[in-house]
C-alpha atoms as a PDB file:
ATOM      1  CA  MET A   1      10.737  14.212  -4.076  1.00  0.00           C
ATOM      2  CA  ALA A   2      14.408  13.371  -4.014  1.00  0.00           C
ATOM      3  CA  LYS A   3      16.400  14.975  -6.775  1.00  0.00           C
ATOM      4  CA  ASN A   4      18.756  12.441  -8.279  1.00  0.00           C
ATOM      5  CA  THR A   5      21.120  13.277 -11.075  1.00  0.00           C
ATOM      6  CA  GLY A   6      23.924  11.571 -12.902  1.00  0.00           C
ATOM      7  CA  ASN A   7      24.632   8.036 -11.708  1.00  0.00           C
ATOM      8  CA  ASN A   8      22.784   8.425  -8.414  1.00  0.00           C
ATOM      9  CA  ARG A   9      19.983   5.924  -7.817  1.00  0.00           C
ATOM     10  CA  ILE A  10      16.497   6.965  -6.833  1.00  0.00           C
ATOM     11  CA  ALA A  11      16.568   7.180  -3.032  1.00  0.00           C
ATOM     12  CA  VAL A  12      13.660   4.798  -2.443  1.00  0.00           C
ATOM     13  CA  LYS A  13      15.502   2.040  -4.335  1.00  0.00           C
ATOM     14  CA  TRP A  14      18.193   2.068  -1.653  1.00  0.00           C
ATOM     15  CA  ILE A  15      15.464   1.586   0.962  1.00  0.00           C
ATOM     16  CA  ARG A  16      13.805  -1.265  -0.949  1.00  0.00           C
ATOM     17  CA  ASP A  17      17.131  -3.009  -1.620  1.00  0.00           C
ATOM     18  CA  LYS A  18      17.945  -3.057   2.087  1.00  0.00           C
ATOM     19  CA  ALA A  19      14.422  -3.947   3.238  1.00  0.00           C
ATOM     20  CA  LYS A  20      13.485  -6.592   0.657  1.00  0.00           C
ATOM     21  CA  SER A  21      15.420  -9.425   2.289  1.00  0.00           C
ATOM     22  CA  ALA A  22      13.031  -9.235   5.261  1.00  0.00           C
ATOM     23  CA  TYR A  23       9.784  -8.907   3.284  1.00  0.00           C
ATOM     24  CA  ASP A  24       7.228 -11.621   3.999  1.00  0.00           C
ATOM     25  CA  LYS A  25       5.957 -12.100   0.460  1.00  0.00           C
ATOM     26  CA  LYS A  26       3.267 -14.786   0.488  1.00  0.00           C
ATOM     27  CA  ASP A  27       3.017 -17.554  -2.086  1.00  0.00           C
ATOM     28  CA  HIS A  28      -0.486 -16.508  -3.200  1.00  0.00           C
ATOM     29  CA  CYS A  29      -2.555 -13.415  -3.951  1.00  0.00           C
ATOM     30  CA  ALA A  30      -4.405 -12.030  -0.913  1.00  0.00           C
ATOM     31  CA  ILE A  31      -7.488 -11.578  -3.097  1.00  0.00           C
ATOM     32  CA  CYS A  32      -7.833 -14.532  -5.472  1.00  0.00           C
ATOM     33  CA  ASN A  33      -5.258 -17.029  -4.139  1.00  0.00           C
ATOM     34  CA  THR A  34      -3.468 -17.356  -7.478  1.00  0.00           C
ATOM     35  CA  THR A  35       0.218 -18.215  -7.274  1.00  0.00           C
ATOM     36  CA  GLU A  36       1.072 -16.540 -10.589  1.00  0.00           C
ATOM     37  CA  ASP A  37       2.663 -13.126 -11.227  1.00  0.00           C
ATOM     38  CA  LEU A  38       2.842 -12.025  -7.570  1.00  0.00           C
ATOM     39  CA  GLU A  39       3.902  -8.581  -6.363  1.00  0.00           C
ATOM     40  CA  LEU A  40       4.256  -6.974  -2.953  1.00  0.00           C
ATOM     41  CA  HIS A  41       1.976  -3.989  -2.280  1.00  0.00           C
ATOM     42  CA  HIS A  42       2.742  -1.467   0.461  1.00  0.00           C
ATOM     43  CA  THR A  43      -0.386   0.316   1.666  1.00  0.00           C
ATOM     44  CA  HIS A  44       1.918   3.168   2.676  1.00  0.00           C
ATOM     45  CA  SER A  45       3.886   4.473  -0.296  1.00  0.00           C
ATOM     46  CA  ILE A  46       7.543   4.061   0.664  1.00  0.00           C
ATOM     47  CA  THR A  47       8.427   6.993  -1.592  1.00  0.00           C
ATOM     48  CA  LEU A  48       5.939   9.331   0.132  1.00  0.00           C
ATOM     49  CA  LEU A  49       6.959   8.108   3.595  1.00  0.00           C
ATOM     50  CA  LEU A  50      10.635   8.607   2.810  1.00  0.00           C
ATOM     51  CA  ASN A  51      10.244  12.043   1.281  1.00  0.00           C
ATOM     52  CA  ASN A  52       7.992  13.299   4.098  1.00  0.00           C
ATOM     53  CA  TRP A  53      10.348  11.885   6.739  1.00  0.00           C
ATOM     54  CA  ALA A  54      13.496  13.316   5.105  1.00  0.00           C
ATOM     55  CA  GLU A  55      11.884  16.747   4.852  1.00  0.00           C
ATOM     56  CA  LYS A  56      10.721  16.633   8.487  1.00  0.00           C
ATOM     57  CA  MET A  57      14.171  15.499   9.661  1.00  0.00           C
ATOM     58  CA  HIS A  58      15.963  17.974   7.351  1.00  0.00           C
ATOM     59  CA  TYR A  59      17.938  15.138   5.734  1.00  0.00           C
ATOM     60  CA  ASP A  60      19.369  15.495   2.259  1.00  0.00           C
ATOM     61  CA  ILE A  61      18.525  12.305   0.392  1.00  0.00           C
ATOM     62  CA  SER A  62      19.296  13.705  -3.045  1.00  0.00           C
ATOM     63  CA  THR A  63      22.550  11.743  -3.321  1.00  0.00           C
ATOM     64  CA  ASP A  64      23.445   8.120  -2.831  1.00  0.00           C
ATOM     65  CA  SER A  65      25.667   8.966   0.125  1.00  0.00           C
ATOM     66  CA  GLY A  66      22.891  11.077   1.670  1.00  0.00           C
ATOM     67  CA  ILE A  67      20.295   8.301   1.570  1.00  0.00           C
ATOM     68  CA  LEU A  68      22.773   5.614   2.629  1.00  0.00           C
ATOM     69  CA  ALA A  69      23.669   7.669   5.707  1.00  0.00           C
ATOM     70  CA  VAL A  70      20.051   7.629   6.958  1.00  0.00           C
ATOM     71  CA  ARG A  71      18.621   4.454   5.394  1.00  0.00           C
ATOM     72  CA  ASP A  72      18.810   2.276   8.511  1.00  0.00           C
ATOM     73  CA  GLU A  73      17.252   5.000  10.654  1.00  0.00           C
ATOM     74  CA  PHE A  74      14.345   5.368   8.222  1.00  0.00           C
ATOM     75  CA  ILE A  75      13.723   1.616   8.074  1.00  0.00           C
ATOM     76  CA  GLU A  76      13.823   1.287  11.857  1.00  0.00           C
ATOM     77  CA  GLN A  77      11.353   4.144  12.346  1.00  0.00           C
ATOM     78  CA  HIS A  78       8.966   2.792   9.684  1.00  0.00           C
ATOM     79  CA  ARG A  79       9.109  -0.972  10.324  1.00  0.00           C
ATOM     80  CA  LYS A  80       5.315  -1.322  10.541  1.00  0.00           C
ATOM     81  CA  GLU A  81       4.676   0.478   7.260  1.00  0.00           C
ATOM     82  CA  ILE A  82       7.500  -1.321   5.438  1.00  0.00           C
ATOM     83  CA  TYR A  83       7.019  -4.872   6.729  1.00  0.00           C
ATOM     84  CA  ASP A  84       3.561  -5.243   8.279  1.00  0.00           C
ATOM     85  CA  ASP A  85       1.238  -3.054   6.216  1.00  0.00           C
ATOM     86  CA  VAL A  86       1.816  -5.026   3.015  1.00  0.00           C
ATOM     87  CA  PHE A  87      -0.141  -7.463   0.881  1.00  0.00           C
ATOM     88  CA  THR A  88       0.963  -9.950  -1.739  1.00  0.00           C
ATOM     89  CA  LEU A  89      -1.204  -9.383  -4.812  1.00  0.00           C
ATOM     90  CA  CYS A  90      -1.227 -10.820  -8.314  1.00  0.00           C
ATOM     91  CA  ASN A  91      -0.392  -8.271 -10.971  1.00  0.00           C
ATOM     92  CA  PRO A  92      -4.017  -7.853 -12.183  1.00  0.00           C
ATOM     93  CA  HIS A  93      -5.269  -7.130  -8.651  1.00  0.00           C
ATOM     94  CA  HIS A  94      -2.288  -4.877  -7.921  1.00  0.00           C
ATOM     95  CA  VAL A  95      -3.038  -2.900 -11.090  1.00  0.00           C
ATOM     96  CA  ALA A  96      -6.734  -2.750 -10.135  1.00  0.00           C
ATOM     97  CA  LEU A  97      -5.893  -1.408  -6.667  1.00  0.00           C
ATOM     98  CA  HIS A  98      -3.704   1.320  -8.158  1.00  0.00           C
ATOM     99  CA  SER A  99      -6.431   2.195 -10.670  1.00  0.00           C
ATOM    100  CA  VAL A 100      -8.645   2.984  -7.667  1.00  0.00           C
ATOM    101  CA  TYR A 101      -6.079   4.662  -5.379  1.00  0.00           C
ATOM    102  CA  GLY A 102      -3.583   6.061  -7.899  1.00  0.00           C
ATOM    103  CA  LYS A 103       0.063   5.366  -8.677  1.00  0.00           C
ATOM    104  CA  ALA A 104       1.239   6.704  -5.304  1.00  0.00           C
ATOM    105  CA  PRO A 105      -1.763   6.403  -2.975  1.00  0.00           C
ATOM    106  CA  ALA A 106      -2.083   9.023  -0.258  1.00  0.00           C
ATOM    107  CA  LEU A 107      -0.676   7.831   3.055  1.00  0.00           C
ATOM    108  CA  SER A 108      -4.080   8.468   4.615  1.00  0.00           C
ATOM    109  CA  SER A 109      -5.633   5.815   2.338  1.00  0.00           C
ATOM    110  CA  ALA A 110      -3.743   2.839   3.835  1.00  0.00           C
ATOM    111  CA  SER A 111      -6.662   1.459   5.871  1.00  0.00           C
ATOM    112  CA  LYS A 112      -9.052   2.016   2.942  1.00  0.00           C
ATOM    113  CA  GLN A 113      -6.734  -0.025   0.736  1.00  0.00           C
ATOM    114  CA  GLY A 114      -6.852  -2.862   3.275  1.00  0.00           C
ATOM    115  CA  THR A 115     -10.649  -2.714   3.298  1.00  0.00           C
ATOM    116  CA  TRP A 116     -10.718  -2.702  -0.511  1.00  0.00           C
ATOM    117  CA  ILE A 117      -8.528  -5.817  -0.563  1.00  0.00           C
ATOM    118  CA  GLU A 118     -10.821  -7.572   1.945  1.00  0.00           C
ATOM    119  CA  LYS A 119     -13.917  -6.721  -0.134  1.00  0.00           C
ATOM    120  CA  GLN A 120     -12.270  -7.876  -3.353  1.00  0.00           C
ATOM    121  CA  ARG A 121     -11.262 -11.144  -1.661  1.00  0.00           C
ATOM    122  CA  ALA A 122     -14.833 -11.745  -0.508  1.00  0.00           C
ATOM    123  CA  LYS A 123     -16.087 -11.134  -4.061  1.00  0.00           C
ATOM    124  CA  ALA A 124     -13.409 -13.315  -5.661  1.00  0.00           C
ATOM    125  CA  LEU A 125     -14.002 -16.209  -3.285  1.00  0.00           C
ATOM    126  CA  GLY A 126     -17.789 -15.853  -3.233  1.00  0.00           C
ATOM    127  CA  GLU A 127     -17.833 -15.136   0.489  1.00  0.00           C
ATOM    128  CA  PRO A 128     -20.741 -13.191   1.954  1.00  0.00           C
ATOM    129  CA  GLN A 129     -19.782  -9.568   2.406  1.00  0.00           C
ATOM    130  CA  GLU A 130     -20.232  -8.086   5.840  1.00  0.00           C
ATOM    131  CA  LYS A 131     -22.969  -5.475   5.831  1.00  0.00           C
ATOM    132  CA  LYS A 132     -23.528  -2.822   8.420  1.00  0.00           C
ATOM    133  CA  PRO A 133     -26.960  -2.835  10.076  1.00  0.00           C
ATOM    134  CA  GLY A 134     -29.518  -0.888   8.089  1.00  0.00           C
ATOM    135  CA  THR A 135     -27.526  -0.871   4.856  1.00  0.00           C
ATOM    136  CA  SER A 136     -29.299  -3.679   3.035  1.00  0.00           C
ATOM    137  CA  LEU A 137     -31.650  -1.157   1.468  1.00  0.00           C
ATOM    138  CA  SER A 138     -30.621   2.014  -0.299  1.00  0.00           C
ATOM    139  CA  SER A 139     -31.460   5.240   1.500  1.00  0.00           C
ATOM    140  CA  PHE A 140     -34.211   5.828  -1.066  1.00  0.00           C
ATOM    141  CA  ALA A 141     -35.638   2.332  -0.499  1.00  0.00           C
ATOM    142  CA  ARG A 142     -35.618   2.834   3.280  1.00  0.00           C
ATOM    143  CA  PHE A 143     -37.350   6.196   2.846  1.00  0.00           C
ATOM    144  CA  TYR A 144     -39.898   4.748   0.433  1.00  0.00           C
ATOM    145  CA  LYS A 145     -40.557   1.681   2.606  1.00  0.00           C
ATOM    146  CA  GLY A 146     -41.249   3.975   5.562  1.00  0.00           C
ATOM    147  CA  LYS A 147     -43.961   5.744   3.554  1.00  0.00           C
ATOM    148  CA  SER A 148     -46.090   2.629   2.974  1.00  0.00           C
END
């Protein structure tokens, strides 16, 4: 993680400040459709992306000048993760998502987070949930049914 001391800002805040003007924050929660207390959720942690990228590129982002020198390059290389792989969630659903995936979800969990959001939306709106063939019964029930 970036080491910031003194009056230096946390590196990821410089990224968010630059990127936020282009965010497509919706006017309702992707799960329950409420219009209250909305927040933007990145399925890819910007902090983890930034720190991994800076380490790979051997960039020093521990100072304001260091992060500002590479900010545009980072944003350009991670446009999909920053702008497309996001959901507008109400605070309660955002908190619930992070209670499942943690404060800084692993980058590998991005698609699982999207699936979780879809399932929560179906529950919240009373929509039938898509089931895979053969999953309507538990494995025990399928085993037991086969024995009769």
